[in-house]
Amino acid sequence: GTPVRLAMRPEEVRTRGIGAETPNRFEATIG
């Protein structure tokens, strides 16, 4: 329930080798 700020480097976003068991996978639109 604690509000937090989540941060991540742009180069850490994975686009390859993503399977059904890969954590934190989702679909996104390229802007």
Full PDB file with SEQRES, HELIX, SHEET, SSBOND, CRYST1, ORIGX, SCALE, CONECT and MASTER records, all heavy atoms in Angstrom:
SEQRES   1 A   31  GLY THR PRO VAL ARG LEU ALA MET ARG PRO GLU GLU VAL          
SEQRES   2 A   31  ARG THR ARG GLY ILE GLY ALA GLU THR PRO ASN ARG PHE          
SEQRES   3 A   31  GLU ALA THR ILE GLY                                          
HELIX    1 AA1 PRO A   10  GLU A   12  5                                   3    
CRYST1    1.000    1.000    1.000  90.00  90.00  90.00 P 1           1          
ORIGX1      1.000000  0.000000  0.000000        0.00000                         
ORIGX2      0.000000  1.000000  0.000000        0.00000                         
ORIGX3      0.000000  0.000000  1.000000        0.00000                         
SCALE1      1.000000  0.000000  0.000000        0.00000                         
SCALE2      0.000000  1.000000  0.000000        0.00000                         
SCALE3      0.000000  0.000000  1.000000        0.00000                         
ATOM      1  N   GLY A   1       0.785  -1.215   0.000  1.00  0.00           N  
ATOM      2  CA  GLY A   1       0.000   0.000   0.000  1.00  0.00           C  
ATOM      3  C   GLY A   1       0.819   1.268   0.000  1.00  0.00           C  
ATOM      4  O   GLY A   1       0.268   2.369  -0.108  1.00  0.00           O  
ATOM      5  N   THR A   2       2.158   1.143   0.111  1.00  0.00           N  
ATOM      6  CA  THR A   2       3.029   2.317   0.154  1.00  0.00           C  
ATOM      7  C   THR A   2       3.224   2.896  -1.245  1.00  0.00           C  
ATOM      8  O   THR A   2       3.581   2.166  -2.173  1.00  0.00           O  
ATOM      9  CB  THR A   2       4.410   1.952   0.728  1.00  0.00           C  
ATOM     10  OG1 THR A   2       4.251   1.384   2.023  1.00  0.00           O  
ATOM     11  CG2 THR A   2       5.301   3.186   0.810  1.00  0.00           C  
ATOM     12  N   PRO A   3       2.989   4.208  -1.419  1.00  0.00           N  
ATOM     13  CA  PRO A   3       3.318   4.830  -2.707  1.00  0.00           C  
ATOM     14  C   PRO A   3       4.839   4.895  -2.886  1.00  0.00           C  
ATOM     15  O   PRO A   3       5.554   5.294  -1.963  1.00  0.00           O  
ATOM     16  CB  PRO A   3       2.724   6.242  -2.592  1.00  0.00           C  
ATOM     17  CG  PRO A   3       1.835   6.206  -1.402  1.00  0.00           C  
ATOM     18  CD  PRO A   3       2.384   5.169  -0.488  1.00  0.00           C  
ATOM     19  N   VAL A   4       5.335   4.531  -4.044  1.00  0.00           N  
ATOM     20  CA  VAL A   4       6.772   4.545  -4.318  1.00  0.00           C  
ATOM     21  C   VAL A   4       7.000   5.094  -5.726  1.00  0.00           C  
ATOM     22  O   VAL A   4       6.065   5.270  -6.512  1.00  0.00           O  
ATOM     23  CB  VAL A   4       7.390   3.133  -4.216  1.00  0.00           C  
ATOM     24  CG1 VAL A   4       7.325   2.619  -2.790  1.00  0.00           C  
ATOM     25  CG2 VAL A   4       6.714   2.165  -5.185  1.00  0.00           C  
ATOM     26  N   ARG A   5       8.267   5.367  -6.005  1.00  0.00           N  
ATOM     27  CA  ARG A   5       8.678   5.713  -7.366  1.00  0.00           C  
ATOM     28  C   ARG A   5       9.497   4.558  -7.909  1.00  0.00           C  
ATOM     29  O   ARG A   5      10.461   4.108  -7.283  1.00  0.00           O  
ATOM     30  CB  ARG A   5       9.490   7.003  -7.377  1.00  0.00           C  
ATOM     31  CG  ARG A   5       8.733   8.226  -6.895  1.00  0.00           C  
ATOM     32  CD  ARG A   5       9.547   9.479  -7.131  1.00  0.00           C  
ATOM     33  NE  ARG A   5       9.509   9.877  -8.532  1.00  0.00           N  
ATOM     34  CZ  ARG A   5      10.334  10.785  -9.070  1.00  0.00           C  
ATOM     35  NH1 ARG A   5      11.272  11.338  -8.325  1.00  0.00           N  
ATOM     36  NH2 ARG A   5      10.224  11.112 -10.337  1.00  0.00           N  
ATOM     37  N   LEU A   6       9.120   4.102  -9.069  1.00  0.00           N  
ATOM     38  CA  LEU A   6       9.811   3.013  -9.739  1.00  0.00           C  
ATOM     39  C   LEU A   6      10.671   3.621 -10.844  1.00  0.00           C  
ATOM     40  O   LEU A   6      10.228   4.508 -11.574  1.00  0.00           O  
ATOM     41  CB  LEU A   6       8.793   2.039 -10.332  1.00  0.00           C  
ATOM     42  CG  LEU A   6       9.308   0.661 -10.768  1.00  0.00           C  
ATOM     43  CD1 LEU A   6       9.788  -0.121  -9.566  1.00  0.00           C  
ATOM     44  CD2 LEU A   6       8.200  -0.103 -11.491  1.00  0.00           C  
ATOM     45  N   ALA A   7      11.899   3.154 -10.968  1.00  0.00           N  
ATOM     46  CA  ALA A   7      12.815   3.733 -11.951  1.00  0.00           C  
ATOM     47  C   ALA A   7      13.533   2.628 -12.711  1.00  0.00           C  
ATOM     48  O   ALA A   7      13.833   1.565 -12.157  1.00  0.00           O  
ATOM     49  CB  ALA A   7      13.835   4.645 -11.258  1.00  0.00           C  
ATOM     50  N   MET A   8      13.841   2.915 -14.001  1.00  0.00           N  
ATOM     51  CA  MET A   8      14.533   1.930 -14.819  1.00  0.00           C  
ATOM     52  C   MET A   8      15.283   2.622 -15.949  1.00  0.00           C  
ATOM     53  O   MET A   8      14.811   3.616 -16.506  1.00  0.00           O  
ATOM     54  CB  MET A   8      13.549   0.916 -15.410  1.00  0.00           C  
ATOM     55  CG  MET A   8      14.249  -0.290 -16.027  1.00  0.00           C  
ATOM     56  SD  MET A   8      13.087  -1.441 -16.759  1.00  0.00           S  
ATOM     57  CE  MET A   8      12.526  -0.471 -18.128  1.00  0.00           C  
ATOM     58  N   ARG A   9      16.468   2.096 -16.284  1.00  0.00           N  
ATOM     59  CA  ARG A   9      17.251   2.604 -17.398  1.00  0.00           C  
ATOM     60  C   ARG A   9      16.618   2.178 -18.725  1.00  0.00           C  
ATOM     61  O   ARG A   9      16.170   1.029 -18.855  1.00  0.00           O  
ATOM     62  CB  ARG A   9      18.684   2.067 -17.335  1.00  0.00           C  
ATOM     63  CG  ARG A   9      19.434   2.367 -16.046  1.00  0.00           C  
ATOM     64  CD  ARG A   9      19.951   3.758 -16.022  1.00  0.00           C  
ATOM     65  NE  ARG A   9      20.747   4.040 -14.823  1.00  0.00           N  
ATOM     66  CZ  ARG A   9      20.977   5.257 -14.386  1.00  0.00           C  
ATOM     67  NH1 ARG A   9      20.484   6.309 -15.040  1.00  0.00           N  
ATOM     68  NH2 ARG A   9      21.698   5.450 -13.295  1.00  0.00           N  
ATOM     69  N   PRO A  10      16.626   3.049 -19.735  1.00  0.00           N  
ATOM     70  CA  PRO A  10      16.021   2.699 -21.026  1.00  0.00           C  
ATOM     71  C   PRO A  10      16.661   1.487 -21.692  1.00  0.00           C  
ATOM     72  O   PRO A  10      15.979   0.719 -22.381  1.00  0.00           O  
ATOM     73  CB  PRO A  10      16.234   3.961 -21.873  1.00  0.00           C  
ATOM     74  CG  PRO A  10      16.392   5.060 -20.891  1.00  0.00           C  
ATOM     75  CD  PRO A  10      17.060   4.453 -19.701  1.00  0.00           C  
ATOM     76  N   GLU A  11      17.974   1.291 -21.478  1.00  0.00           N  
ATOM     77  CA  GLU A  11      18.639   0.171 -22.143  1.00  0.00           C  
ATOM     78  C   GLU A  11      18.291  -1.174 -21.516  1.00  0.00           C  
ATOM     79  O   GLU A  11      18.626  -2.237 -22.069  1.00  0.00           O  
ATOM     80  CB  GLU A  11      20.168   0.356 -22.117  1.00  0.00           C  
ATOM     81  CG  GLU A  11      20.806   0.296 -20.754  1.00  0.00           C  
ATOM     82  CD  GLU A  11      20.912   1.648 -20.078  1.00  0.00           C  
ATOM     83  OE1 GLU A  11      20.155   2.561 -20.457  1.00  0.00           O  
ATOM     84  OE2 GLU A  11      21.760   1.790 -19.177  1.00  0.00           O  
ATOM     85  N   GLU A  12      17.591  -1.163 -20.358  1.00  0.00           N  
ATOM     86  CA  GLU A  12      17.243  -2.412 -19.695  1.00  0.00           C  
ATOM     87  C   GLU A  12      15.950  -3.029 -20.228  1.00  0.00           C  
ATOM     88  O   GLU A  12      15.611  -4.165 -19.878  1.00  0.00           O  
ATOM     89  CB  GLU A  12      17.113  -2.182 -18.180  1.00  0.00           C  
ATOM     90  CG  GLU A  12      18.398  -1.751 -17.494  1.00  0.00           C  
ATOM     91  CD  GLU A  12      19.390  -2.889 -17.353  1.00  0.00           C  
ATOM     92  OE1 GLU A  12      19.088  -4.022 -17.778  1.00  0.00           O  
ATOM     93  OE2 GLU A  12      20.494  -2.640 -16.823  1.00  0.00           O  
ATOM     94  N   VAL A  13      15.199  -2.304 -21.044  1.00  0.00           N  
ATOM     95  CA  VAL A  13      13.964  -2.852 -21.604  1.00  0.00           C  
ATOM     96  C   VAL A  13      14.314  -3.991 -22.557  1.00  0.00           C  
ATOM     97  O   VAL A  13      15.094  -3.817 -23.494  1.00  0.00           O  
ATOM     98  CB  VAL A  13      13.156  -1.764 -22.339  1.00  0.00           C  
ATOM     99  CG1 VAL A  13      11.907  -2.372 -22.982  1.00  0.00           C  
ATOM    100  CG2 VAL A  13      12.754  -0.653 -21.373  1.00  0.00           C  
ATOM    101  N   ARG A  14      13.752  -5.166 -22.321  1.00  0.00           N  
ATOM    102  CA  ARG A  14      14.040  -6.336 -23.156  1.00  0.00           C  
ATOM    103  C   ARG A  14      13.049  -6.445 -24.307  1.00  0.00           C  
ATOM    104  O   ARG A  14      11.840  -6.241 -24.129  1.00  0.00           O  
ATOM    105  CB  ARG A  14      13.988  -7.619 -22.325  1.00  0.00           C  
ATOM    106  CG  ARG A  14      15.144  -7.799 -21.374  1.00  0.00           C  
ATOM    107  CD  ARG A  14      15.057  -9.135 -20.661  1.00  0.00           C  
ATOM    108  NE  ARG A  14      14.999 -10.257 -21.609  1.00  0.00           N  
ATOM    109  CZ  ARG A  14      14.785 -11.519 -21.239  1.00  0.00           C  
ATOM    110  NH1 ARG A  14      14.577 -11.820 -19.963  1.00  0.00           N  
ATOM    111  NH2 ARG A  14      14.759 -12.477 -22.145  1.00  0.00           N  
ATOM    112  N   THR A  15      13.577  -6.798 -25.476  1.00  0.00           N  
ATOM    113  CA  THR A  15      12.715  -7.008 -26.646  1.00  0.00           C  
ATOM    114  C   THR A  15      12.948  -8.375 -27.287  1.00  0.00           C  
ATOM    115  O   THR A  15      12.209  -8.757 -28.188  1.00  0.00           O  
ATOM    116  CB  THR A  15      12.986  -5.926 -27.712  1.00  0.00           C  
ATOM    117  OG1 THR A  15      14.379  -5.939 -28.061  1.00  0.00           O  
ATOM    118  CG2 THR A  15      12.602  -4.546 -27.206  1.00  0.00           C  
ATOM    119  N   ARG A  16      13.963  -9.097 -26.829  1.00  0.00           N  
ATOM    120  CA  ARG A  16      14.285 -10.400 -27.408  1.00  0.00           C  
ATOM    121  C   ARG A  16      14.264 -11.478 -26.331  1.00  0.00           C  
ATOM    122  O   ARG A  16      14.435 -11.196 -25.144  1.00  0.00           O  
ATOM    123  CB  ARG A  16      15.674 -10.379 -28.053  1.00  0.00           C  
ATOM    124  CG  ARG A  16      15.886  -9.279 -29.077  1.00  0.00           C  
ATOM    125  CD  ARG A  16      17.280  -9.422 -29.665  1.00  0.00           C  
ATOM    126  NE  ARG A  16      17.728  -8.251 -30.387  1.00  0.00           N  
ATOM    127  CZ  ARG A  16      18.191  -8.249 -31.625  1.00  0.00           C  
ATOM    128  NH1 ARG A  16      18.243  -9.382 -32.306  1.00  0.00           N  
ATOM    129  NH2 ARG A  16      18.598  -7.137 -32.200  1.00  0.00           N  
ATOM    130  N   GLY A  17      14.097 -12.713 -26.774  1.00  0.00           N  
ATOM    131  CA  GLY A  17      14.151 -13.855 -25.860  1.00  0.00           C  
ATOM    132  C   GLY A  17      13.076 -13.819 -24.798  1.00  0.00           C  
ATOM    133  O   GLY A  17      13.299 -14.266 -23.673  1.00  0.00           O  
ATOM    134  N   ILE A  18      11.910 -13.301 -25.114  1.00  0.00           N  
ATOM    135  CA  ILE A  18      10.817 -13.199 -24.152  1.00  0.00           C  
ATOM    136  C   ILE A  18       9.876 -14.383 -24.339  1.00  0.00           C  
ATOM    137  O   ILE A  18       9.331 -14.594 -25.434  1.00  0.00           O  
ATOM    138  CB  ILE A  18      10.054 -11.873 -24.323  1.00  0.00           C  
ATOM    139  CG1 ILE A  18      11.006 -10.687 -24.120  1.00  0.00           C  
ATOM    140  CG2 ILE A  18       8.877 -11.794 -23.355  1.00  0.00           C  
ATOM    141  CD1 ILE A  18      10.380  -9.349 -24.438  1.00  0.00           C  
ATOM    142  N   GLY A  19       9.710 -15.183 -23.293  1.00  0.00           N  
ATOM    143  CA  GLY A  19       8.818 -16.335 -23.339  1.00  0.00           C  
ATOM    144  C   GLY A  19       7.655 -16.179 -22.389  1.00  0.00           C  
ATOM    145  O   GLY A  19       7.513 -15.165 -21.699  1.00  0.00           O  
ATOM    146  N   ALA A  20       6.841 -17.233 -22.326  1.00  0.00           N  
ATOM    147  CA  ALA A  20       5.634 -17.182 -21.495  1.00  0.00           C  
ATOM    148  C   ALA A  20       5.976 -17.045 -20.015  1.00  0.00           C  
ATOM    149  O   ALA A  20       5.188 -16.499 -19.233  1.00  0.00           O  
ATOM    150  CB  ALA A  20       4.799 -18.443 -21.723  1.00  0.00           C  
ATOM    151  N   GLU A  21       7.163 -17.516 -19.608  1.00  0.00           N  
ATOM    152  CA  GLU A  21       7.548 -17.470 -18.197  1.00  0.00           C  
ATOM    153  C   GLU A  21       8.383 -16.234 -17.852  1.00  0.00           C  
ATOM    154  O   GLU A  21       8.791 -16.059 -16.704  1.00  0.00           O  
ATOM    155  CB  GLU A  21       8.344 -18.729 -17.837  1.00  0.00           C  
ATOM    156  CG  GLU A  21       7.595 -20.036 -18.079  1.00  0.00           C  
ATOM    157  CD  GLU A  21       6.284 -20.089 -17.300  1.00  0.00           C  
ATOM    158  OE1 GLU A  21       6.298 -19.694 -16.112  1.00  0.00           O  
ATOM    159  OE2 GLU A  21       5.268 -20.492 -17.875  1.00  0.00           O  
ATOM    160  N   THR A  22       8.663 -15.386 -18.834  1.00  0.00           N  
ATOM    161  CA  THR A  22       9.470 -14.187 -18.579  1.00  0.00           C  
ATOM    162  C   THR A  22       8.706 -13.233 -17.665  1.00  0.00           C  
ATOM    163  O   THR A  22       7.568 -12.858 -17.976  1.00  0.00           O  
ATOM    164  CB  THR A  22       9.821 -13.473 -19.890  1.00  0.00           C  
ATOM    165  OG1 THR A  22      10.520 -14.373 -20.749  1.00  0.00           O  
ATOM    166  CG2 THR A  22      10.682 -12.247 -19.629  1.00  0.00           C  
ATOM    167  N   PRO A  23       9.285 -12.831 -16.541  1.00  0.00           N  
ATOM    168  CA  PRO A  23       8.567 -11.904 -15.650  1.00  0.00           C  
ATOM    169  C   PRO A  23       8.435 -10.519 -16.278  1.00  0.00           C  
ATOM    170  O   PRO A  23       9.245 -10.119 -17.108  1.00  0.00           O  
ATOM    171  CB  PRO A  23       9.451 -11.866 -14.399  1.00  0.00           C  
ATOM    172  CG  PRO A  23      10.814 -12.241 -14.875  1.00  0.00           C  
ATOM    173  CD  PRO A  23      10.610 -13.206 -16.005  1.00  0.00           C  
ATOM    174  N   ASN A  24       7.379  -9.834 -15.866  1.00  0.00           N  
ATOM    175  CA  ASN A  24       7.161  -8.432 -16.253  1.00  0.00           C  
ATOM    176  C   ASN A  24       7.049  -8.251 -17.762  1.00  0.00           C  
ATOM    177  O   ASN A  24       7.499  -7.249 -18.317  1.00  0.00           O  
ATOM    178  CB  ASN A  24       8.290  -7.537 -15.699  1.00  0.00           C  
ATOM    179  CG  ASN A  24       8.382  -7.587 -14.191  1.00  0.00           C  
ATOM    180  OD1 ASN A  24       7.422  -7.892 -13.495  1.00  0.00           O  
ATOM    181  ND2 ASN A  24       9.562  -7.280 -13.665  1.00  0.00           N  
ATOM    182  N   ARG A  25       6.442  -9.221 -18.445  1.00  0.00           N  
ATOM    183  CA  ARG A  25       6.231  -9.080 -19.887  1.00  0.00           C  
ATOM    184  C   ARG A  25       4.871  -8.433 -20.139  1.00  0.00           C  
ATOM    185  O   ARG A  25       3.897  -8.669 -19.415  1.00  0.00           O  
ATOM    186  CB  ARG A  25       6.319 -10.434 -20.593  1.00  0.00           C  
ATOM    187  CG  ARG A  25       5.273 -11.428 -20.167  1.00  0.00           C  
ATOM    188  CD  ARG A  25       5.544 -12.816 -20.754  1.00  0.00           C  
ATOM    189  NE  ARG A  25       5.382 -12.867 -22.181  1.00  0.00           N  
ATOM    190  CZ  ARG A  25       4.248 -13.167 -22.806  1.00  0.00           C  
ATOM    191  NH1 ARG A  25       3.144 -13.419 -22.087  1.00  0.00           N  
ATOM    192  NH2 ARG A  25       4.190 -13.213 -24.110  1.00  0.00           N  
ATOM    193  N   PHE A  26       4.822  -7.579 -21.140  1.00  0.00           N  
ATOM    194  CA  PHE A  26       3.565  -6.926 -21.506  1.00  0.00           C  
ATOM    195  C   PHE A  26       3.689  -6.391 -22.927  1.00  0.00           C  
ATOM    196  O   PHE A  26       4.778  -6.337 -23.501  1.00  0.00           O  
ATOM    197  CB  PHE A  26       3.226  -5.787 -20.533  1.00  0.00           C  
ATOM    198  CG  PHE A  26       4.253  -4.692 -20.497  1.00  0.00           C  
ATOM    199  CD1 PHE A  26       4.128  -3.549 -21.283  1.00  0.00           C  
ATOM    200  CD2 PHE A  26       5.356  -4.786 -19.653  1.00  0.00           C  
ATOM    201  CE1 PHE A  26       5.068  -2.542 -21.242  1.00  0.00           C  
ATOM    202  CE2 PHE A  26       6.313  -3.771 -19.591  1.00  0.00           C  
ATOM    203  CZ  PHE A  26       6.166  -2.659 -20.393  1.00  0.00           C  
ATOM    204  N   GLU A  27       2.565  -6.017 -23.488  1.00  0.00           N  
ATOM    205  CA  GLU A  27       2.567  -5.435 -24.822  1.00  0.00           C  
ATOM    206  C   GLU A  27       2.553  -3.916 -24.721  1.00  0.00           C  
ATOM    207  O   GLU A  27       1.930  -3.336 -23.819  1.00  0.00           O  
ATOM    208  CB  GLU A  27       1.354  -5.923 -25.624  1.00  0.00           C  
ATOM    209  CG  GLU A  27       1.439  -7.386 -26.016  1.00  0.00           C  
ATOM    210  CD  GLU A  27       0.357  -7.768 -27.018  1.00  0.00           C  
ATOM    211  OE1 GLU A  27      -0.674  -7.048 -27.094  1.00  0.00           O  
ATOM    212  OE2 GLU A  27       0.535  -8.778 -27.735  1.00  0.00           O  
ATOM    213  N   ALA A  28       3.252  -3.299 -25.654  1.00  0.00           N  
ATOM    214  CA  ALA A  28       3.327  -1.839 -25.661  1.00  0.00           C  
ATOM    215  C   ALA A  28       3.404  -1.345 -27.096  1.00  0.00           C  
ATOM    216  O   ALA A  28       3.925  -2.034 -27.988  1.00  0.00           O  
ATOM    217  CB  ALA A  28       4.544  -1.366 -24.879  1.00  0.00           C  
ATOM    218  N   THR A  29       2.911  -0.144 -27.304  1.00  0.00           N  
ATOM    219  CA  THR A  29       2.971   0.501 -28.618  1.00  0.00           C  
ATOM    220  C   THR A  29       4.217   1.357 -28.712  1.00  0.00           C  
ATOM    221  O   THR A  29       4.524   2.126 -27.792  1.00  0.00           O  
ATOM    222  CB  THR A  29       1.726   1.377 -28.847  1.00  0.00           C  
ATOM    223  OG1 THR A  29       0.555   0.559 -28.741  1.00  0.00           O  
ATOM    224  CG2 THR A  29       1.762   2.033 -30.221  1.00  0.00           C  
ATOM    225  N   ILE A  30       4.954   1.213 -29.813  1.00  0.00           N  
ATOM    226  CA  ILE A  30       6.148   2.019 -30.045  1.00  0.00           C  
ATOM    227  C   ILE A  30       5.713   3.438 -30.406  1.00  0.00           C  
ATOM    228  O   ILE A  30       4.978   3.643 -31.379  1.00  0.00           O  
ATOM    229  CB  ILE A  30       7.013   1.441 -31.181  1.00  0.00           C  
ATOM    230  CG1 ILE A  30       7.353  -0.029 -30.916  1.00  0.00           C  
ATOM    231  CG2 ILE A  30       8.274   2.287 -31.366  1.00  0.00           C  
ATOM    232  CD1 ILE A  30       8.260  -0.266 -29.765  1.00  0.00           C  
ATOM    233  N   GLY A  31       6.175   4.412 -29.626  1.00  0.00           N  
ATOM    234  CA  GLY A  31       5.841   5.803 -29.911  1.00  0.00           C  
ATOM    235  C   GLY A  31       6.920   6.465 -30.755  1.00  0.00           C  
ATOM    236  O   GLY A  31       7.512   5.837 -31.633  1.00  0.00           O  
TER     237      GLY A  31                                                      
MASTER        0    0    0    1    0    0    0    6  236    1    0    3          
END                                                                             
